[in-house]
């Protein structure tokens, strides 16, 4: 097995918050949702709103297919959890 390490090469990026799409089941248990691509699981997590918006259609699809509530949460520096909004509502 080989390991790939991505080094942005001194680009001015600093992660100060993370956004995650969280699913809640009927018992109140939560988890980060994701999808498989090329045999690799990718969690629906982003550090900026451009990434979050690109993941939103996948999160909506998961909500529709599972009939589970999906929320977008923001974890700020220090990982204080802020529920932004219930963006995805299952009818």
Protein backbone atom coordinates (compact mmCIF):
# COMPACT_ATOMS: atom_id res chain seq x y z
CA UNK A 1 0.00 0.00 0.00
CA UNK A 2 1.33 3.41 -0.88
CA UNK A 3 0.61 6.65 0.93
CA UNK A 4 -0.09 9.94 -0.79
CA UNK A 5 0.64 13.12 1.14
CA UNK A 6 -0.62 16.43 -0.20
CA UNK A 7 1.53 19.44 0.65
CA UNK A 8 0.03 22.75 -0.54
CA UNK A 9 3.55 24.19 -0.73
CA UNK A 10 3.22 27.22 1.52
CA UNK A 11 -0.12 28.43 0.19
CA UNK A 12 -1.86 30.81 2.60
CA UNK A 13 -4.53 28.39 3.88
CA UNK A 14 -5.50 28.11 7.50
CA UNK A 15 -8.41 26.01 8.70
CA UNK A 16 -10.23 27.88 11.44
CA UNK A 17 -13.53 26.07 11.16
CA UNK A 18 -14.98 22.90 9.67
CA UNK A 19 -18.43 22.26 8.29
CA UNK A 20 -19.93 18.78 8.39
CA UNK A 21 -23.19 17.28 7.20
CA UNK A 22 -24.55 15.28 10.14
CA UNK A 23 -27.32 12.68 10.03
CA UNK A 24 -29.50 11.83 13.02
CA UNK A 25 -31.29 8.51 13.31
CA UNK A 26 -34.56 7.76 15.08
CA UNK A 27 -32.71 7.12 18.37
CA UNK A 28 -30.87 10.46 18.30
CA UNK A 29 -27.50 8.97 17.33
CA UNK A 30 -25.49 11.20 15.01
CA UNK A 31 -22.80 10.62 12.43
CA UNK A 32 -21.01 12.40 9.62
CA UNK A 33 -22.46 11.29 6.30
CA UNK A 34 -20.34 10.52 3.30
CA UNK A 35 -20.13 8.63 0.04
CA UNK A 36 -17.84 6.15 -1.64
CA UNK A 37 -15.91 7.11 -4.73
CA UNK A 38 -13.44 4.77 -6.43
CA UNK A 39 -13.61 2.50 -3.39
CA UNK A 40 -12.68 5.27 -0.96
CA UNK A 41 -15.10 6.73 1.62
CA UNK A 42 -15.30 10.54 1.57
CA UNK A 43 -16.99 12.27 4.51
CA UNK A 44 -19.11 15.32 3.68
CA UNK A 45 -16.83 17.79 5.45
CA UNK A 46 -15.40 21.09 4.23
CA UNK A 47 -13.42 24.03 5.54
CA UNK A 48 -15.06 26.68 3.37
CA UNK A 49 -18.50 27.41 1.96
CA UNK A 50 -17.42 26.69 -1.63
CA UNK A 51 -16.68 23.09 -0.63
CA UNK A 52 -19.88 22.88 1.45
CA UNK A 53 -21.99 24.07 -1.47
CA UNK A 54 -20.35 21.51 -3.76
CA UNK A 55 -21.27 18.75 -1.27
CA UNK A 56 -24.85 19.95 -0.63
CA UNK A 57 -26.44 17.98 -3.54
CA UNK A 58 -24.87 14.76 -2.22
CA UNK A 59 -26.16 15.52 1.29
CA UNK A 60 -29.63 16.19 -0.13
CA UNK A 61 -29.52 12.88 -2.02
CA UNK A 62 -28.55 11.00 1.17
CA UNK A 63 -31.39 12.70 3.07
CA UNK A 64 -33.89 11.78 0.35
CA UNK A 65 -32.72 8.17 0.08
CA UNK A 66 -32.50 7.46 3.82
CA UNK A 67 -35.44 9.61 4.98
CA UNK A 68 -33.23 10.80 7.84
CA UNK A 69 -32.75 14.35 9.04
CA UNK A 70 -29.48 15.88 7.79
CA UNK A 71 -28.03 19.07 9.25
CA UNK A 72 -25.09 21.25 8.40
CA UNK A 73 -22.98 21.92 11.49
CA UNK A 74 -20.02 24.23 11.92
CA UNK A 75 -17.17 23.35 14.24
CA UNK A 76 -15.20 26.49 15.11
CA UNK A 77 -11.62 26.71 16.37
CA UNK A 78 -11.62 24.73 19.59
CA UNK A 79 -14.37 22.59 18.02
CA UNK A 80 -17.31 24.39 19.54
CA UNK A 81 -20.29 22.96 17.70
CA UNK A 82 -22.77 25.38 16.21
CA UNK A 83 -25.82 24.05 14.43
CA UNK A 84 -26.16 26.45 11.53
CA UNK A 85 -29.52 25.43 10.27
CA UNK A 86 -31.61 22.46 9.34
CA UNK A 87 -30.86 22.98 5.68
CA UNK A 88 -32.15 19.64 4.51
CA UNK A 89 -35.66 18.70 5.48
CA UNK A 90 -37.06 15.26 4.74
CA UNK A 91 -40.78 15.48 4.00
